[in-house]
Amino acid sequence: MQRNKILAALLVVLLVHSGFATWKWQEAEKSKEEALYYLEVTANRAAKCLEESGVVSYLLDKNASDETLRGYSWLFEECAYVLETTEFELFDLTKDPRHYDLHVFGATLETLFNKARLDPINGPKPILLKNKDRIANISRTLEYLIVERTGLWNLTPEDARKLRAMAEEIEY
């Protein structure tokens, strides 16, 4: 129960921050640099959220309930959605292919967690178990890259392509 409250609080903070960043972006149309800054901060926060997706492996090892796995899938689906949409806006503004690769990375993770959360017949476990090692590897890689590069904005094109390729290995 405590975990669900924490998840709900994290999601509310992320969504409020996303809304705030979007509002700030609209207000800052006169200043592209300011708009880019707010979008990058939002994308970085979404990536930090996805960095925690490795908890899914732990939960699967502990035979967590479908309800718990659905809750985490919902959280990570929302984080991936924020990353996907924010990175697409950054790509649209900058034409930097790193942002497009991160957009695809976010979209792929969003699809994974959405499919896991919404499977009415089998529940979330089969798809998450099939991708358990991939999710854990993505989580570790994100953590390493965010620390090593001090945020998404310093990722190299190779880093972004690597994340995209890792996500594209996901099996549905």
N, C-alpha and C. Protein backbone atom coordinates (compact mmCIF):
# COMPACT_ATOMS: atom_id res chain seq x y z
N MET A 1 0.83 -1.19 0.00
CA MET A 1 0.00 0.00 0.00
C MET A 1 0.87 1.26 0.00
N GLN A 2 1.93 1.25 0.84
CA GLN A 2 2.85 2.38 0.91
C GLN A 2 3.52 2.61 -0.44
N ARG A 3 3.88 1.51 -1.10
CA ARG A 3 4.55 1.59 -2.39
C ARG A 3 3.63 2.25 -3.42
N ASN A 4 2.34 1.91 -3.40
CA ASN A 4 1.39 2.50 -4.34
C ASN A 4 1.24 4.00 -4.11
N LYS A 5 1.28 4.42 -2.84
CA LYS A 5 1.20 5.85 -2.54
C LYS A 5 2.44 6.57 -3.06
N ILE A 6 3.59 5.94 -2.92
CA ILE A 6 4.82 6.54 -3.41
C ILE A 6 4.78 6.64 -4.93
N LEU A 7 4.31 5.58 -5.57
CA LEU A 7 4.18 5.59 -7.03
C LEU A 7 3.25 6.71 -7.48
N ALA A 8 2.12 6.83 -6.81
CA ALA A 8 1.16 7.86 -7.17
C ALA A 8 1.76 9.25 -6.99
N ALA A 9 2.49 9.44 -5.89
CA ALA A 9 3.12 10.74 -5.64
C ALA A 9 4.17 11.05 -6.70
N LEU A 10 4.99 10.06 -7.06
CA LEU A 10 6.00 10.27 -8.10
C LEU A 10 5.36 10.63 -9.43
N LEU A 11 4.28 9.94 -9.76
CA LEU A 11 3.61 10.21 -11.02
C LEU A 11 3.01 11.61 -11.04
N VAL A 12 2.40 12.01 -9.94
CA VAL A 12 1.81 13.35 -9.86
C VAL A 12 2.90 14.41 -10.03
N VAL A 13 4.03 14.22 -9.35
CA VAL A 13 5.13 15.18 -9.46
C VAL A 13 5.63 15.24 -10.90
N LEU A 14 5.79 14.08 -11.52
CA LEU A 14 6.27 14.04 -12.89
C LEU A 14 5.28 14.72 -13.84
N LEU A 15 4.00 14.44 -13.68
CA LEU A 15 2.99 15.03 -14.55
C LEU A 15 2.88 16.54 -14.33
N VAL A 16 2.94 16.97 -13.06
CA VAL A 16 2.89 18.41 -12.77
C VAL A 16 4.10 19.09 -13.38
N HIS A 17 5.26 18.47 -13.19
CA HIS A 17 6.48 19.06 -13.76
C HIS A 17 6.39 19.11 -15.28
N SER A 18 5.87 18.05 -15.88
CA SER A 18 5.72 18.02 -17.34
C SER A 18 4.79 19.14 -17.80
N GLY A 19 3.66 19.29 -17.11
CA GLY A 19 2.73 20.36 -17.45
C GLY A 19 3.36 21.73 -17.29
N PHE A 20 4.11 21.89 -16.20
CA PHE A 20 4.79 23.15 -15.96
C PHE A 20 5.81 23.42 -17.06
N ALA A 21 6.57 22.41 -17.42
CA ALA A 21 7.58 22.58 -18.47
C ALA A 21 6.92 22.93 -19.80
N THR A 22 5.79 22.29 -20.09
CA THR A 22 5.07 22.58 -21.32
C THR A 22 4.57 24.03 -21.32
N TRP A 23 4.00 24.44 -20.20
CA TRP A 23 3.53 25.82 -20.09
C TRP A 23 4.68 26.79 -20.26
N LYS A 24 5.79 26.49 -19.58
CA LYS A 24 6.95 27.36 -19.70
C LYS A 24 7.48 27.39 -21.14
N TRP A 25 7.37 26.24 -21.79
CA TRP A 25 7.85 26.19 -23.18
C TRP A 25 7.02 27.12 -24.05
N GLN A 26 5.70 27.11 -23.86
CA GLN A 26 4.84 27.97 -24.66
C GLN A 26 5.12 29.44 -24.38
N GLU A 27 5.38 29.75 -23.13
CA GLU A 27 5.68 31.13 -22.76
C GLU A 27 7.03 31.59 -23.31
N ALA A 28 7.90 30.63 -23.55
CA ALA A 28 9.27 30.97 -23.94
C ALA A 28 9.52 30.87 -25.44
N GLU A 29 8.45 30.90 -26.24
CA GLU A 29 8.64 30.77 -27.69
C GLU A 29 9.59 31.83 -28.23
N LYS A 30 9.63 32.98 -27.59
CA LYS A 30 10.51 34.04 -28.04
C LYS A 30 11.97 33.66 -27.82
N SER A 31 12.20 32.80 -26.87
CA SER A 31 13.57 32.41 -26.55
C SER A 31 13.74 30.91 -26.73
N LYS A 32 14.28 30.50 -27.85
CA LYS A 32 14.45 29.08 -28.15
C LYS A 32 15.35 28.41 -27.12
N GLU A 33 16.36 29.10 -26.68
CA GLU A 33 17.27 28.52 -25.69
C GLU A 33 16.55 28.20 -24.39
N GLU A 34 15.68 29.07 -23.97
CA GLU A 34 14.93 28.83 -22.74
C GLU A 34 13.97 27.65 -22.93
N ALA A 35 13.34 27.58 -24.07
CA ALA A 35 12.44 26.46 -24.36
C ALA A 35 13.21 25.15 -24.37
N LEU A 36 14.36 25.14 -25.02
CA LEU A 36 15.18 23.93 -25.05
C LEU A 36 15.59 23.50 -23.65
N TYR A 37 15.91 24.46 -22.82
CA TYR A 37 16.31 24.15 -21.45
C TYR A 37 15.18 23.41 -20.71
N TYR A 38 13.97 23.94 -20.76
CA TYR A 38 12.86 23.31 -20.04
C TYR A 38 12.52 21.93 -20.61
N LEU A 39 12.59 21.79 -21.90
CA LEU A 39 12.35 20.48 -22.49
C LEU A 39 13.43 19.49 -22.09
N GLU A 40 14.66 19.93 -22.07
CA GLU A 40 15.75 19.03 -21.68
C GLU A 40 15.64 18.62 -20.21
N VAL A 41 15.24 19.54 -19.36
CA VAL A 41 15.05 19.21 -17.94
C VAL A 41 13.94 18.17 -17.80
N THR A 42 12.86 18.34 -18.53
CA THR A 42 11.75 17.39 -18.46
C THR A 42 12.18 16.02 -18.98
N ALA A 43 12.89 15.99 -20.10
CA ALA A 43 13.36 14.72 -20.64
C ALA A 43 14.32 14.04 -19.67
N ASN A 44 15.17 14.81 -19.05
CA ASN A 44 16.12 14.25 -18.10
C ASN A 44 15.41 13.64 -16.89
N ARG A 45 14.38 14.30 -16.41
CA ARG A 45 13.62 13.76 -15.28
C ARG A 45 12.89 12.47 -15.66
N ALA A 46 12.37 12.42 -16.87
CA ALA A 46 11.70 11.20 -17.32
C ALA A 46 12.71 10.06 -17.44
N ALA A 47 13.89 10.36 -17.93
CA ALA A 47 14.94 9.34 -18.04
C ALA A 47 15.37 8.87 -16.66
N LYS A 48 15.45 9.79 -15.70
CA LYS A 48 15.80 9.40 -14.32
C LYS A 48 14.73 8.48 -13.76
N CYS A 49 13.49 8.71 -14.10
CA CYS A 49 12.41 7.82 -13.67
C CYS A 49 12.60 6.44 -14.30
N LEU A 50 12.88 6.40 -15.59
CA LEU A 50 13.08 5.12 -16.29
C LEU A 50 14.33 4.39 -15.80
N GLU A 51 15.26 5.14 -15.27
CA GLU A 51 16.45 4.54 -14.68
C GLU A 51 16.07 3.56 -13.56
N GLU A 52 14.94 3.82 -12.93
CA GLU A 52 14.47 2.97 -11.83
C GLU A 52 13.69 1.75 -12.31
N SER A 53 13.53 1.60 -13.62
CA SER A 53 12.73 0.48 -14.15
C SER A 53 13.33 -0.88 -13.82
N GLY A 54 14.57 -0.91 -13.42
CA GLY A 54 15.19 -2.17 -13.02
C GLY A 54 14.50 -2.82 -11.83
N VAL A 55 13.69 -2.05 -11.12
CA VAL A 55 12.95 -2.62 -9.98
C VAL A 55 12.00 -3.72 -10.46
N VAL A 56 11.62 -3.68 -11.72
CA VAL A 56 10.74 -4.71 -12.28
C VAL A 56 11.39 -6.09 -12.15
N SER A 57 12.69 -6.18 -12.40
CA SER A 57 13.40 -7.46 -12.27
C SER A 57 13.32 -7.97 -10.83
N TYR A 58 13.53 -7.08 -9.91
CA TYR A 58 13.46 -7.44 -8.49
C TYR A 58 12.06 -7.93 -8.13
N LEU A 59 11.06 -7.21 -8.59
CA LEU A 59 9.68 -7.59 -8.29
C LEU A 59 9.33 -8.94 -8.90
N LEU A 60 9.80 -9.19 -10.10
CA LEU A 60 9.56 -10.49 -10.72
C LEU A 60 10.25 -11.61 -9.94
N ASP A 61 11.47 -11.34 -9.47
CA ASP A 61 12.18 -12.34 -8.67
C ASP A 61 11.44 -12.64 -7.37
N LYS A 62 10.77 -11.65 -6.83
CA LYS A 62 10.04 -11.81 -5.57
C LYS A 62 8.59 -12.23 -5.80
N ASN A 63 8.26 -12.56 -7.05
CA ASN A 63 6.92 -13.02 -7.41
C ASN A 63 5.84 -12.01 -7.00
N ALA A 64 6.06 -10.76 -7.36
CA ALA A 64 5.11 -9.69 -7.03
C ALA A 64 3.76 -9.96 -7.68
N SER A 65 2.74 -9.41 -7.10
CA SER A 65 1.39 -9.59 -7.61
C SER A 65 1.21 -8.86 -8.94
N ASP A 66 0.20 -9.28 -9.69
CA ASP A 66 -0.12 -8.60 -10.95
C ASP A 66 -0.47 -7.14 -10.68
N GLU A 67 -1.15 -6.88 -9.58
CA GLU A 67 -1.54 -5.50 -9.26
C GLU A 67 -0.30 -4.62 -9.07
N THR A 68 0.69 -5.14 -8.36
CA THR A 68 1.93 -4.38 -8.16
C THR A 68 2.65 -4.16 -9.48
N LEU A 69 2.74 -5.21 -10.28
CA LEU A 69 3.42 -5.09 -11.58
C LEU A 69 2.68 -4.14 -12.50
N ARG A 70 1.35 -4.13 -12.44
CA ARG A 70 0.58 -3.18 -13.25
C ARG A 70 0.85 -1.74 -12.80
N GLY A 71 0.94 -1.54 -11.49
CA GLY A 71 1.22 -0.20 -10.96
C GLY A 71 2.57 0.32 -11.43
N TYR A 72 3.58 -0.51 -11.35
CA TYR A 72 4.90 -0.09 -11.83
C TYR A 72 4.92 0.06 -13.34
N SER A 73 4.21 -0.81 -14.04
CA SER A 73 4.14 -0.68 -15.50
C SER A 73 3.50 0.64 -15.88
N TRP A 74 2.47 1.03 -15.15
CA TRP A 74 1.79 2.31 -15.41
C TRP A 74 2.75 3.47 -15.18
N LEU A 75 3.49 3.42 -14.07
CA LEU A 75 4.44 4.49 -13.77
C LEU A 75 5.49 4.61 -14.88
N PHE A 76 6.10 3.49 -15.25
CA PHE A 76 7.16 3.54 -16.25
C PHE A 76 6.61 3.84 -17.64
N GLU A 77 5.37 3.45 -17.91
CA GLU A 77 4.72 3.81 -19.18
C GLU A 77 4.60 5.33 -19.27
N GLU A 78 4.18 5.96 -18.17
CA GLU A 78 4.02 7.42 -18.16
C GLU A 78 5.37 8.12 -18.30
N CYS A 79 6.39 7.61 -17.61
CA CYS A 79 7.73 8.20 -17.73
C CYS A 79 8.23 8.09 -19.16
N ALA A 80 8.02 6.93 -19.77
CA ALA A 80 8.45 6.71 -21.16
C ALA A 80 7.69 7.64 -22.11
N TYR A 81 6.40 7.86 -21.84
CA TYR A 81 5.60 8.76 -22.67
C TYR A 81 6.15 10.19 -22.60
N VAL A 82 6.48 10.63 -21.39
CA VAL A 82 7.03 11.97 -21.23
C VAL A 82 8.35 12.08 -21.98
N LEU A 83 9.20 11.07 -21.87
CA LEU A 83 10.47 11.08 -22.59
C LEU A 83 10.23 11.09 -24.11
N GLU A 84 9.34 10.23 -24.55
CA GLU A 84 9.03 10.12 -25.99
C GLU A 84 8.58 11.46 -26.56
N THR A 85 7.60 12.08 -25.93
CA THR A 85 7.03 13.32 -26.47
C THR A 85 7.99 14.50 -26.34
N THR A 86 8.69 14.56 -25.23
CA THR A 86 9.63 15.67 -25.03
C THR A 86 10.80 15.57 -26.00
N GLU A 87 11.31 14.37 -26.19
CA GLU A 87 12.42 14.19 -27.13
C GLU A 87 11.99 14.48 -28.57
N PHE A 88 10.73 14.18 -28.90
CA PHE A 88 10.26 14.51 -30.24
C PHE A 88 10.21 16.03 -30.42
N GLU A 89 9.76 16.74 -29.39
CA GLU A 89 9.74 18.21 -29.47
C GLU A 89 11.16 18.75 -29.61
N LEU A 90 12.11 18.17 -28.86
CA LEU A 90 13.50 18.59 -28.98
C LEU A 90 14.04 18.32 -30.38
N PHE A 91 13.69 17.16 -30.93
CA PHE A 91 14.12 16.85 -32.30
C PHE A 91 13.53 17.85 -33.28
N ASP A 92 12.26 18.16 -33.10
CA ASP A 92 11.58 19.11 -33.99
C ASP A 92 12.25 20.48 -33.95
N LEU A 93 12.71 20.89 -32.78
CA LEU A 93 13.35 22.20 -32.64
C LEU A 93 14.81 22.22 -33.09
N THR A 94 15.51 21.10 -32.89
CA THR A 94 16.95 21.10 -33.13
C THR A 94 17.39 20.30 -34.35
N LYS A 95 16.56 19.36 -34.77
CA LYS A 95 16.90 18.41 -35.84
C LYS A 95 18.12 17.54 -35.48
N ASP A 96 18.43 17.46 -34.20
CA ASP A 96 19.54 16.63 -33.71
C ASP A 96 19.07 15.18 -33.67
N PRO A 97 19.71 14.27 -34.41
CA PRO A 97 19.27 12.88 -34.45
C PRO A 97 19.32 12.16 -33.10
N ARG A 98 20.11 12.67 -32.15
CA ARG A 98 20.12 12.07 -30.81
C ARG A 98 18.72 12.13 -30.21
N HIS A 99 18.04 13.24 -30.42
CA HIS A 99 16.70 13.39 -29.85
C HIS A 99 15.71 12.44 -30.51
N TYR A 100 15.89 12.20 -31.80
CA TYR A 100 14.99 11.24 -32.46
C TYR A 100 15.24 9.83 -31.93
N ASP A 101 16.49 9.46 -31.74
CA ASP A 101 16.80 8.14 -31.18
C ASP A 101 16.21 7.99 -29.78
N LEU A 102 16.30 9.03 -28.98
CA LEU A 102 15.73 8.97 -27.63
C LEU A 102 14.20 8.97 -27.68
N HIS A 103 13.63 9.62 -28.66
CA HIS A 103 12.17 9.57 -28.88
C HIS A 103 11.75 8.12 -29.15
N VAL A 104 12.45 7.44 -30.04
CA VAL A 104 12.13 6.05 -30.37
C VAL A 104 12.35 5.16 -29.14
N PHE A 105 13.42 5.41 -28.41
CA PHE A 105 13.70 4.68 -27.17
C PHE A 105 12.51 4.80 -26.21
N GLY A 106 12.04 6.03 -25.98
CA GLY A 106 10.89 6.25 -25.10
C GLY A 106 9.62 5.60 -25.62
N ALA A 107 9.38 5.71 -26.92
CA ALA A 107 8.17 5.13 -27.52
C ALA A 107 8.17 3.61 -27.37
N THR A 108 9.32 2.99 -27.54
CA THR A 108 9.41 1.54 -27.44
C THR A 108 9.16 1.08 -26.01
N LEU A 109 9.73 1.79 -25.04
CA LEU A 109 9.49 1.44 -23.64
C LEU A 109 8.03 1.69 -23.25
N GLU A 110 7.47 2.76 -23.78
CA GLU A 110 6.06 3.04 -23.50
C GLU A 110 5.20 1.88 -23.99
N THR A 111 5.47 1.38 -25.18
CA THR A 111 4.72 0.26 -25.73
C THR A 111 4.86 -0.98 -24.87
N LEU A 112 6.08 -1.27 -24.45
CA LEU A 112 6.32 -2.44 -23.59
C LEU A 112 5.47 -2.37 -22.32
N PHE A 113 5.59 -1.28 -21.60
CA PHE A 113 4.89 -1.18 -20.32
C PHE A 113 3.38 -1.06 -20.50
N ASN A 114 2.95 -0.46 -21.60
CA ASN A 114 1.53 -0.40 -21.90
C ASN A 114 0.96 -1.79 -22.17
N LYS A 115 1.66 -2.56 -22.97
CA LYS A 115 1.20 -3.93 -23.28
C LYS A 115 1.19 -4.79 -22.02
N ALA A 116 2.19 -4.63 -21.17
CA ALA A 116 2.25 -5.40 -19.93
C ALA A 116 1.07 -5.03 -19.03
N ARG A 117 0.82 -3.75 -18.91
CA ARG A 117 -0.23 -3.26 -18.01
C ARG A 117 -1.62 -3.66 -18.48
N LEU A 118 -1.83 -3.69 -19.79
CA LEU A 118 -3.19 -3.87 -20.32
C LEU A 118 -3.52 -5.29 -20.77
N ASP A 119 -2.62 -6.25 -20.57
CA ASP A 119 -2.91 -7.62 -21.01
C ASP A 119 -4.00 -8.21 -20.11
N PRO A 120 -5.23 -8.33 -20.62
CA PRO A 120 -6.35 -8.78 -19.78
C PRO A 120 -6.36 -10.29 -19.54
N ILE A 121 -5.67 -11.03 -20.37
CA ILE A 121 -5.73 -12.49 -20.26
C ILE A 121 -4.59 -13.03 -19.40
N ASN A 122 -3.37 -12.66 -19.74
CA ASN A 122 -2.20 -13.21 -19.06
C ASN A 122 -1.67 -12.34 -17.93
N GLY A 123 -2.09 -11.09 -17.89
CA GLY A 123 -1.54 -10.17 -16.92
C GLY A 123 -0.16 -9.68 -17.36
N PRO A 124 0.49 -8.89 -16.53
CA PRO A 124 1.76 -8.28 -16.94
C PRO A 124 2.97 -9.21 -16.88
N LYS A 125 2.89 -10.29 -16.12
CA LYS A 125 4.08 -11.12 -15.89
C LYS A 125 4.72 -11.70 -17.14
N PRO A 126 3.97 -12.32 -18.06
CA PRO A 126 4.65 -12.96 -19.20
C PRO A 126 5.53 -12.01 -20.01
N ILE A 127 5.00 -10.86 -20.36
CA ILE A 127 5.79 -9.94 -21.19
C ILE A 127 6.95 -9.35 -20.40
N LEU A 128 6.73 -9.10 -19.11
CA LEU A 128 7.82 -8.56 -18.30
C LEU A 128 8.90 -9.62 -18.06
N LEU A 129 8.48 -10.85 -17.82
CA LEU A 129 9.47 -11.93 -17.65
C LEU A 129 10.29 -12.13 -18.92
N LYS A 130 9.64 -12.05 -20.07
CA LYS A 130 10.33 -12.23 -21.35
C LYS A 130 11.40 -11.14 -21.54
N ASN A 131 11.16 -9.98 -20.95
CA ASN A 131 12.05 -8.84 -21.14
C ASN A 131 12.80 -8.43 -19.88
N LYS A 132 12.74 -9.28 -18.87
CA LYS A 132 13.32 -8.95 -17.56
C LYS A 132 14.78 -8.50 -17.66
N ASP A 133 15.60 -9.29 -18.34
CA ASP A 133 17.03 -8.95 -18.45
C ASP A 133 17.23 -7.69 -19.28
N ARG A 134 16.43 -7.51 -20.31
CA ARG A 134 16.54 -6.30 -21.15
C ARG A 134 16.20 -5.05 -20.34
N ILE A 135 15.14 -5.14 -19.54
CA ILE A 135 14.73 -4.00 -18.71
C ILE A 135 15.83 -3.67 -17.71
N ALA A 136 16.38 -4.69 -17.05
CA ALA A 136 17.45 -4.47 -16.08
C ALA A 136 18.68 -3.85 -16.76
N ASN A 137 19.01 -4.31 -17.95
CA ASN A 137 20.16 -3.79 -18.67
C ASN A 137 19.93 -2.34 -19.10
N ILE A 138 18.74 -2.03 -19.55
CA ILE A 138 18.40 -0.64 -19.91
C ILE A 138 18.52 0.25 -18.68
N SER A 139 18.01 -0.22 -17.56
CA SER A 139 18.06 0.56 -16.32
C SER A 139 19.51 0.85 -15.92
N ARG A 140 20.36 -0.17 -15.94
CA ARG A 140 21.77 0.01 -15.58
C ARG A 140 22.48 0.94 -16.57
N THR A 141 22.18 0.78 -17.84
CA THR A 141 22.83 1.61 -18.86
C THR A 141 22.39 3.07 -18.72
N LEU A 142 21.11 3.29 -18.50
CA LEU A 142 20.63 4.66 -18.27
C LEU A 142 21.31 5.29 -17.06
N GLU A 143 21.37 4.52 -15.98
CA GLU A 143 22.00 5.04 -14.77
C GLU A 143 23.45 5.42 -15.06
N TYR A 144 24.18 4.54 -15.72
CA TYR A 144 25.58 4.81 -16.04
C TYR A 144 25.71 6.05 -16.92
N LEU A 145 24.91 6.11 -17.98
CA LEU A 145 25.04 7.23 -18.92
C LEU A 145 24.64 8.56 -18.29
N ILE A 146 23.60 8.56 -17.49
CA ILE A 146 23.16 9.82 -16.87
C ILE A 146 24.22 10.32 -15.90
N VAL A 147 24.84 9.41 -15.17
CA VAL A 147 25.91 9.82 -14.24
C VAL A 147 27.16 10.21 -15.03
N GLU A 148 27.57 9.36 -15.96
CA GLU A 148 28.79 9.59 -16.74
C GLU A 148 28.72 10.88 -17.55
N ARG A 149 27.57 11.14 -18.15
CA ARG A 149 27.42 12.32 -19.02
C ARG A 149 26.77 13.50 -18.30
N THR A 150 26.48 13.33 -17.03
CA THR A 150 25.80 14.34 -16.20
C THR A 150 24.49 14.82 -16.84
N GLY A 151 23.71 13.89 -17.33
CA GLY A 151 22.40 14.21 -17.88
C GLY A 151 22.27 13.80 -19.33
N LEU A 152 21.03 13.78 -19.79
CA LEU A 152 20.76 13.40 -21.18
C LEU A 152 21.36 14.38 -22.18
N TRP A 153 21.43 15.65 -21.82
CA TRP A 153 21.86 16.66 -22.78
C TRP A 153 23.30 16.47 -23.22
N ASN A 154 24.07 15.68 -22.49
CA ASN A 154 25.46 15.44 -22.86
C ASN A 154 25.69 14.06 -23.50
N LEU A 155 24.63 13.35 -23.81
CA LEU A 155 24.81 12.06 -24.46
C LEU A 155 25.43 12.25 -25.84
N THR A 156 26.27 11.31 -26.20
CA THR A 156 26.84 11.33 -27.55
C THR A 156 25.83 10.70 -28.50
N PRO A 157 26.00 10.91 -29.80
CA PRO A 157 25.12 10.23 -30.75
C PRO A 157 25.18 8.70 -30.60
N GLU A 158 26.36 8.18 -30.27
CA GLU A 158 26.51 6.73 -30.06
C GLU A 158 25.71 6.27 -28.85
N ASP A 159 25.71 7.07 -27.79
CA ASP A 159 24.94 6.73 -26.58
C ASP A 159 23.46 6.62 -26.92
N ALA A 160 22.95 7.60 -27.65
CA ALA A 160 21.53 7.62 -28.00
C ALA A 160 21.19 6.44 -28.90
N ARG A 161 22.05 6.14 -29.86
CA ARG A 161 21.81 4.98 -30.73
C ARG A 161 21.85 3.68 -29.93
N LYS A 162 22.73 3.60 -28.96
CA LYS A 162 22.84 2.40 -28.12
C LYS A 162 21.54 2.18 -27.34
N LEU A 163 21.01 3.25 -26.73
CA LEU A 163 19.75 3.13 -25.99
C LEU A 163 18.61 2.70 -26.92
N ARG A 164 18.56 3.32 -28.09
CA ARG A 164 17.52 2.95 -29.06
C ARG A 164 17.63 1.48 -29.45
N ALA A 165 18.85 1.03 -29.73
CA ALA A 165 19.06 -0.36 -30.13
C ALA A 165 18.67 -1.32 -28.99
N MET A 166 18.98 -0.95 -27.76
CA MET A 166 18.62 -1.79 -26.61
C MET A 166 17.11 -1.93 -26.52
N ALA A 167 16.41 -0.82 -26.68
CA ALA A 167 14.94 -0.85 -26.58
C ALA A 167 14.35 -1.65 -27.75
N GLU A 168 14.95 -1.56 -28.91
CA GLU A 168 14.42 -2.27 -30.07
C GLU A 168 14.61 -3.78 -29.97
N GLU A 169 15.36 -4.26 -28.99
CA GLU A 169 15.51 -5.68 -28.76
C GLU A 169 14.36 -6.27 -27.94
N ILE A 170 13.51 -5.40 -27.42
CA ILE A 170 12.37 -5.83 -26.60
C ILE A 170 11.45 -6.71 -27.44
N GLU A 171 10.96 -7.77 -26.81
CA GLU A 171 10.05 -8.70 -27.48
C GLU A 171 8.64 -8.52 -26.91
N TYR A 172 7.68 -8.50 -27.82
CA TYR A 172 6.29 -8.39 -27.40
C TYR A 172 5.65 -9.74 -27.53
